[in-house]
Each structure stands twice: as structure tokens, then as C-alpha cells.
Amino acid sequence: MQRINQNMTGYRMPAYVEEILTENYCKNFVRMSIIRDSGKYSFSYKPAGLSRLDPSKMTLYDKLLLIRNLISLSENASDHLIEGESYLLEPELVYSKGCSVDMNSIRLLYYPDVKKLDFRYKIVLFADRILNKSIREEREMAERIRSAAEPGDMNRLKMFLDKAILRIENSMN
């Protein structure tokens, strides 16, 4: 079984977060174990059955669905006391069962965000990284996502994404 290992120093993880992650109470994250030794953390992830998503092989529809589902994933994690500001959100940290962007298929590698960047900025940066700027439609979509997120209302961004996804679905039929 493949394992992914990461080390971190200069950080203090709350014990309840450590328990939530290692006991897999929040299913949004890749299963992991944590070893703490005098200010140093060793994270070991077990992505059995999961593979890293490759946004370069995804359609605009899949990318938008992924972004929307990552917002839902964050809300679910927040219900488990793991706030979106507490972990990194990078394309390299998104794993999936069968390359699906379905909410029940995607998982994140939990890696602490020591900067505690606001989640809405993270989602905009994430969208910016996965949308292909050389394709006009995707470049414009990245700008629209940024505009929808700027006022700070996640509901506005979710509604924008829902409408964009629905528009694409309707054009596919």
C-alpha cells in the first residue's frame, strides 16, 4: 500500500483536530496518522483506492463541479470543527476515487495552513490554479469566480457556481 509522508515543525495542532483526523471522524480527508515528537509532526497518509486528481485532464464542467464540491467539503469539515482556514487547499492535495469530482469521491490531504488564509481566498487561488488561462472561457470563468468571491459572501459564490454548472449541463443536453 502506498503511503505519503510529510513532516512539519514550528506548529501546534490542537489535540481535538488530531483525534478527528486520525480517527477518521471527518471523511473529507485522506486517512492519516500523526506522530508528534517534541515540536515536530510526522503526517502519514494512506490514500488506498484514491489517486491525485489531474486538473489538466478535466473539462471546465468538472473543474467547476470540483470547486463547488470543495466548498461543500469545507462546510462539512467545519461541522467537524476543522475550519477551512486551518488546512492548505492546493490541487496537489486533492485525491479522488476513480478520478471523479463527486462530493463522495473527493478527499483532501490535511496539511496545516500556518498562515490561516481565509477559505474564500483559498478557493479563488485554487480556481486560478486549475483553470487554464490559455482557454478564453476558463480565463473568464476564473475572473468571474474572483468577482463573486470578493464581497466575502460564500453563498454568492456557491450560487454563481451552481448557475454556471447548470448552464453547462443544459448546453450538453
C-alpha atoms as a PDB file:
ATOM      1  CA  MET A   1       0.000   0.000   0.000  1.00  0.00           C
ATOM      2  CA  GLN A   2       1.317   3.421  -0.994  1.00  0.00           C
ATOM      3  CA  ARG A   3       1.900   5.941   1.819  1.00  0.00           C
ATOM      4  CA  ILE A   4       2.570   9.653   1.637  1.00  0.00           C
ATOM      5  CA  ASN A   5       4.682  11.185   4.390  1.00  0.00           C
ATOM      6  CA  GLN A   6       5.111  14.834   5.357  1.00  0.00           C
ATOM      7  CA  ASN A   7       6.959  16.476   8.248  1.00  0.00           C
ATOM      8  CA  MET A   8       6.306  19.798   9.912  1.00  0.00           C
ATOM      9  CA  THR A   9       7.923  21.829  12.672  1.00  0.00           C
ATOM     10  CA  GLY A  10       7.005  25.086  14.375  1.00  0.00           C
ATOM     11  CA  TYR A  11       3.314  24.295  14.597  1.00  0.00           C
ATOM     12  CA  ARG A  12       0.989  23.172  17.382  1.00  0.00           C
ATOM     13  CA  MET A  13      -2.050  21.153  16.333  1.00  0.00           C
ATOM     14  CA  PRO A  14      -4.971  21.120  18.763  1.00  0.00           C
ATOM     15  CA  ALA A  15      -5.487  17.643  20.256  1.00  0.00           C
ATOM     16  CA  TYR A  16      -9.133  17.523  19.157  1.00  0.00           C
ATOM     17  CA  VAL A  17      -8.133  18.133  15.492  1.00  0.00           C
ATOM     18  CA  GLU A  18      -5.523  15.401  15.760  1.00  0.00           C
ATOM     19  CA  GLU A  19      -8.167  12.997  17.077  1.00  0.00           C
ATOM     20  CA  ILE A  20     -10.757  13.945  14.431  1.00  0.00           C
ATOM     21  CA  LEU A  21      -8.203  13.333  11.670  1.00  0.00           C
ATOM     22  CA  THR A  22      -6.582  10.157  12.973  1.00  0.00           C
ATOM     23  CA  GLU A  23      -9.876   8.527  13.950  1.00  0.00           C
ATOM     24  CA  ASN A  24     -11.335   9.490  10.543  1.00  0.00           C
ATOM     25  CA  TYR A  25     -14.386  11.167  12.080  1.00  0.00           C
ATOM     26  CA  CYS A  26     -14.405  13.607   9.169  1.00  0.00           C
ATOM     27  CA  LYS A  27     -14.447  11.537   5.975  1.00  0.00           C
ATOM     28  CA  ASN A  28     -13.428  14.523   3.803  1.00  0.00           C
ATOM     29  CA  PHE A  29      -9.743  13.920   4.431  1.00  0.00           C
ATOM     30  CA  VAL A  30      -7.437  11.108   3.365  1.00  0.00           C
ATOM     31  CA  ARG A  31      -6.919   8.685   6.254  1.00  0.00           C
ATOM     32  CA  MET A  32      -3.843   9.628   8.189  1.00  0.00           C
ATOM     33  CA  SER A  33      -1.758   9.003  11.258  1.00  0.00           C
ATOM     34  CA  ILE A  34       0.124  11.663  13.172  1.00  0.00           C
ATOM     35  CA  ILE A  35       3.275  11.281  15.239  1.00  0.00           C
ATOM     36  CA  ARG A  36       4.206  14.213  17.457  1.00  0.00           C
ATOM     37  CA  ASP A  37       7.714  14.362  18.876  1.00  0.00           C
ATOM     38  CA  SER A  38       8.972  17.470  20.703  1.00  0.00           C
ATOM     39  CA  GLY A  39       7.556  20.101  18.357  1.00  0.00           C
ATOM     40  CA  LYS A  40       7.887  18.018  15.201  1.00  0.00           C
ATOM     41  CA  TYR A  41       4.947  16.404  13.454  1.00  0.00           C
ATOM     42  CA  SER A  42       5.094  13.493  11.053  1.00  0.00           C
ATOM     43  CA  PHE A  43       1.979  13.001   8.974  1.00  0.00           C
ATOM     44  CA  SER A  44       1.483   9.697   7.211  1.00  0.00           C
ATOM     45  CA  TYR A  45      -1.397   9.433   4.746  1.00  0.00           C
ATOM     46  CA  LYS A  46      -2.993   6.210   3.481  1.00  0.00           C
ATOM     47  CA  PRO A  47      -4.669   7.047   0.154  1.00  0.00           C
ATOM     48  CA  ALA A  48      -5.704   3.448  -0.567  1.00  0.00           C
ATOM     49  CA  GLY A  49      -8.025   3.403  -3.563  1.00  0.00           C
ATOM     50  CA  LEU A  50      -7.507   7.117  -4.188  1.00  0.00           C
ATOM     51  CA  SER A  51      -5.408   8.892  -6.783  1.00  0.00           C
ATOM     52  CA  ARG A  52      -4.368  12.511  -7.174  1.00  0.00           C
ATOM     53  CA  LEU A  53      -6.695  14.488  -9.432  1.00  0.00           C
ATOM     54  CA  ASP A  54      -5.130  15.994 -12.537  1.00  0.00           C
ATOM     55  CA  PRO A  55      -6.964  19.222 -13.432  1.00  0.00           C
ATOM     56  CA  SER A  56      -5.223  19.380 -16.827  1.00  0.00           C
ATOM     57  CA  LYS A  57      -7.295  16.352 -17.896  1.00  0.00           C
ATOM     58  CA  MET A  58     -10.592  17.789 -16.670  1.00  0.00           C
ATOM     59  CA  THR A  59     -13.312  19.648 -18.560  1.00  0.00           C
ATOM     60  CA  LEU A  60     -14.497  23.078 -17.429  1.00  0.00           C
ATOM     61  CA  TYR A  61     -17.649  21.396 -16.126  1.00  0.00           C
ATOM     62  CA  ASP A  62     -15.607  19.000 -13.943  1.00  0.00           C
ATOM     63  CA  LYS A  63     -13.405  21.839 -12.686  1.00  0.00           C
ATOM     64  CA  LEU A  64     -16.419  23.915 -11.652  1.00  0.00           C
ATOM     65  CA  LEU A  65     -18.032  20.901 -10.023  1.00  0.00           C
ATOM     66  CA  LEU A  66     -14.781  20.225  -8.148  1.00  0.00           C
ATOM     67  CA  ILE A  67     -14.597  23.820  -6.888  1.00  0.00           C
ATOM     68  CA  ARG A  68     -18.247  23.705  -5.797  1.00  0.00           C
ATOM     69  CA  ASN A  69     -17.756  20.362  -4.057  1.00  0.00           C
ATOM     70  CA  LEU A  70     -14.629  21.626  -2.280  1.00  0.00           C
ATOM     71  CA  ILE A  71     -16.750  24.409  -0.806  1.00  0.00           C
ATOM     72  CA  SER A  72     -19.275  21.817   0.412  1.00  0.00           C
ATOM     73  CA  LEU A  73     -16.415  19.682   1.719  1.00  0.00           C
ATOM     74  CA  SER A  74     -15.132  22.690   3.677  1.00  0.00           C
ATOM     75  CA  GLU A  75     -18.568  23.305   5.164  1.00  0.00           C
ATOM     76  CA  ASN A  76     -18.783  19.653   6.172  1.00  0.00           C
ATOM     77  CA  ALA A  77     -15.299  19.763   7.718  1.00  0.00           C
ATOM     78  CA  SER A  78     -16.328  22.892   9.605  1.00  0.00           C
ATOM     79  CA  ASP A  79     -19.224  20.901  11.079  1.00  0.00           C
ATOM     80  CA  HIS A  80     -16.479  18.584  12.405  1.00  0.00           C
ATOM     81  CA  LEU A  81     -14.596  21.574  13.922  1.00  0.00           C
ATOM     82  CA  ILE A  82     -11.975  21.694  11.167  1.00  0.00           C
ATOM     83  CA  GLU A  83     -12.211  25.166   9.680  1.00  0.00           C
ATOM     84  CA  GLY A  84     -11.227  25.898   6.077  1.00  0.00           C
ATOM     85  CA  GLU A  85      -8.567  28.311   7.311  1.00  0.00           C
ATOM     86  CA  SER A  86      -6.749  25.532   9.166  1.00  0.00           C
ATOM     87  CA  TYR A  87      -5.606  23.457   6.152  1.00  0.00           C
ATOM     88  CA  LEU A  88      -3.995  24.073   2.779  1.00  0.00           C
ATOM     89  CA  LEU A  89      -6.098  23.865  -0.364  1.00  0.00           C
ATOM     90  CA  GLU A  90      -3.872  23.050  -3.325  1.00  0.00           C
ATOM     91  CA  PRO A  91      -4.554  20.987  -6.458  1.00  0.00           C
ATOM     92  CA  GLU A  92      -1.771  18.567  -5.422  1.00  0.00           C
ATOM     93  CA  LEU A  93      -3.641  17.810  -2.196  1.00  0.00           C
ATOM     94  CA  VAL A  94      -6.914  16.716  -3.841  1.00  0.00           C
ATOM     95  CA  TYR A  95      -7.431  12.966  -4.235  1.00  0.00           C
ATOM     96  CA  SER A  96     -10.339  11.033  -5.648  1.00  0.00           C
ATOM     97  CA  LYS A  97     -11.817   7.604  -6.172  1.00  0.00           C
ATOM     98  CA  GLY A  98     -11.802   6.827  -9.885  1.00  0.00           C
ATOM     99  CA  CYS A  99     -10.894  10.400 -10.891  1.00  0.00           C
ATOM    100  CA  SER A 100     -14.433  11.509 -10.007  1.00  0.00           C
ATOM    101  CA  VAL A 101     -15.140  15.031  -8.725  1.00  0.00           C
ATOM    102  CA  ASP A 102     -18.304  13.832  -6.996  1.00  0.00           C
ATOM    103  CA  MET A 103     -18.613  15.019  -3.384  1.00  0.00           C
ATOM    104  CA  ASN A 104     -18.445  11.449  -2.057  1.00  0.00           C
ATOM    105  CA  SER A 105     -15.328  10.662  -4.092  1.00  0.00           C
ATOM    106  CA  ILE A 106     -13.006  13.567  -3.327  1.00  0.00           C
ATOM    107  CA  ARG A 107     -10.698  13.714  -0.317  1.00  0.00           C
ATOM    108  CA  LEU A 108      -8.043  16.181   0.782  1.00  0.00           C
ATOM    109  CA  LEU A 109      -4.650  15.557   2.282  1.00  0.00           C
ATOM    110  CA  TYR A 110      -4.821  17.520   5.515  1.00  0.00           C
ATOM    111  CA  TYR A 111      -1.776  19.712   5.869  1.00  0.00           C
ATOM    112  CA  PRO A 112      -1.926  22.636   8.309  1.00  0.00           C
ATOM    113  CA  ASP A 113      -2.011  26.168   6.956  1.00  0.00           C
ATOM    114  CA  VAL A 114       0.164  28.153   9.355  1.00  0.00           C
ATOM    115  CA  LYS A 115      -0.877  31.410   7.621  1.00  0.00           C
ATOM    116  CA  LYS A 116      -4.585  30.684   8.303  1.00  0.00           C
ATOM    117  CA  LEU A 117      -5.618  32.216   4.977  1.00  0.00           C
ATOM    118  CA  ASP A 118      -9.361  32.880   4.685  1.00  0.00           C
ATOM    119  CA  PHE A 119     -11.062  29.991   2.875  1.00  0.00           C
ATOM    120  CA  ARG A 120     -12.691  32.205   0.244  1.00  0.00           C
ATOM    121  CA  TYR A 121      -9.226  33.383  -0.859  1.00  0.00           C
ATOM    122  CA  LYS A 122      -8.041  29.793  -0.926  1.00  0.00           C
ATOM    123  CA  ILE A 123     -10.893  28.740  -3.188  1.00  0.00           C
ATOM    124  CA  VAL A 124     -10.202  31.669  -5.556  1.00  0.00           C
ATOM    125  CA  LEU A 125      -6.491  30.791  -5.676  1.00  0.00           C
ATOM    126  CA  PHE A 126      -7.395  27.134  -6.207  1.00  0.00           C
ATOM    127  CA  ALA A 127      -9.697  28.053  -9.113  1.00  0.00           C
ATOM    128  CA  ASP A 128      -6.970  30.270 -10.527  1.00  0.00           C
ATOM    129  CA  ARG A 129      -4.530  27.364 -10.481  1.00  0.00           C
ATOM    130  CA  ILE A 130      -6.763  24.752 -12.092  1.00  0.00           C
ATOM    131  CA  LEU A 131      -8.476  26.887 -14.752  1.00  0.00           C
ATOM    132  CA  ASN A 132      -6.454  27.079 -17.964  1.00  0.00           C
ATOM    133  CA  LYS A 133      -5.741  30.753 -18.746  1.00  0.00           C
ATOM    134  CA  SER A 134      -4.930  29.948 -22.374  1.00  0.00           C
ATOM    135  CA  ILE A 135      -8.572  28.967 -22.916  1.00  0.00           C
ATOM    136  CA  ARG A 136     -10.727  32.109 -23.059  1.00  0.00           C
ATOM    137  CA  GLU A 137     -13.781  30.507 -21.432  1.00  0.00           C
ATOM    138  CA  GLU A 138     -11.744  29.223 -18.474  1.00  0.00           C
ATOM    139  CA  ARG A 139      -9.831  32.516 -18.082  1.00  0.00           C
ATOM    140  CA  GLU A 140     -13.127  34.420 -17.967  1.00  0.00           C
ATOM    141  CA  MET A 141     -14.551  31.905 -15.510  1.00  0.00           C
ATOM    142  CA  ALA A 142     -11.573  32.463 -13.173  1.00  0.00           C
ATOM    143  CA  GLU A 143     -12.259  36.222 -13.267  1.00  0.00           C
ATOM    144  CA  ARG A 144     -15.966  35.690 -12.565  1.00  0.00           C
ATOM    145  CA  ILE A 145     -15.194  33.389  -9.630  1.00  0.00           C
ATOM    146  CA  ARG A 146     -12.869  36.031  -8.196  1.00  0.00           C
ATOM    147  CA  SER A 147     -15.572  38.707  -8.596  1.00  0.00           C
ATOM    148  CA  ALA A 148     -18.230  36.521  -6.989  1.00  0.00           C
ATOM    149  CA  ALA A 149     -15.966  35.758  -4.005  1.00  0.00           C
ATOM    150  CA  GLU A 150     -14.670  39.292  -3.405  1.00  0.00           C
ATOM    151  CA  PRO A 151     -17.592  40.572  -1.311  1.00  0.00           C
ATOM    152  CA  GLY A 152     -16.895  37.748   1.151  1.00  0.00           C
ATOM    153  CA  ASP A 153     -20.261  36.032   0.840  1.00  0.00           C
ATOM    154  CA  MET A 154     -19.698  32.318   0.189  1.00  0.00           C
ATOM    155  CA  ASN A 155     -23.387  31.882  -0.603  1.00  0.00           C
ATOM    156  CA  ARG A 156     -22.990  34.291  -3.510  1.00  0.00           C
ATOM    157  CA  LEU A 157     -20.049  32.264  -4.834  1.00  0.00           C
ATOM    158  CA  LYS A 158     -21.961  28.992  -4.394  1.00  0.00           C
ATOM    159  CA  MET A 159     -24.965  30.386  -6.288  1.00  0.00           C
ATOM    160  CA  PHE A 160     -22.688  31.619  -9.081  1.00  0.00           C
ATOM    161  CA  LEU A 161     -21.043  28.180  -9.376  1.00  0.00           C
ATOM    162  CA  ASP A 162     -24.399  26.390  -9.258  1.00  0.00           C
ATOM    163  CA  LYS A 163     -25.726  28.544 -12.124  1.00  0.00           C
ATOM    164  CA  ALA A 164     -22.548  28.091 -14.199  1.00  0.00           C
ATOM    165  CA  ILE A 165     -22.679  24.311 -13.688  1.00  0.00           C
ATOM    166  CA  LEU A 166     -26.373  24.208 -14.586  1.00  0.00           C
ATOM    167  CA  ARG A 167     -25.745  26.304 -17.743  1.00  0.00           C
ATOM    168  CA  ILE A 168     -23.078  23.839 -18.895  1.00  0.00           C
ATOM    169  CA  GLU A 169     -25.333  20.860 -18.089  1.00  0.00           C
ATOM    170  CA  ASN A 170     -28.150  22.416 -20.135  1.00  0.00           C
ATOM    171  CA  SER A 171     -25.831  23.055 -23.086  1.00  0.00           C
ATOM    172  CA  MET A 172     -24.691  19.404 -23.008  1.00  0.00           C
ATOM    173  CA  ASN A 173     -28.285  18.155 -23.443  1.00  0.00           C
END
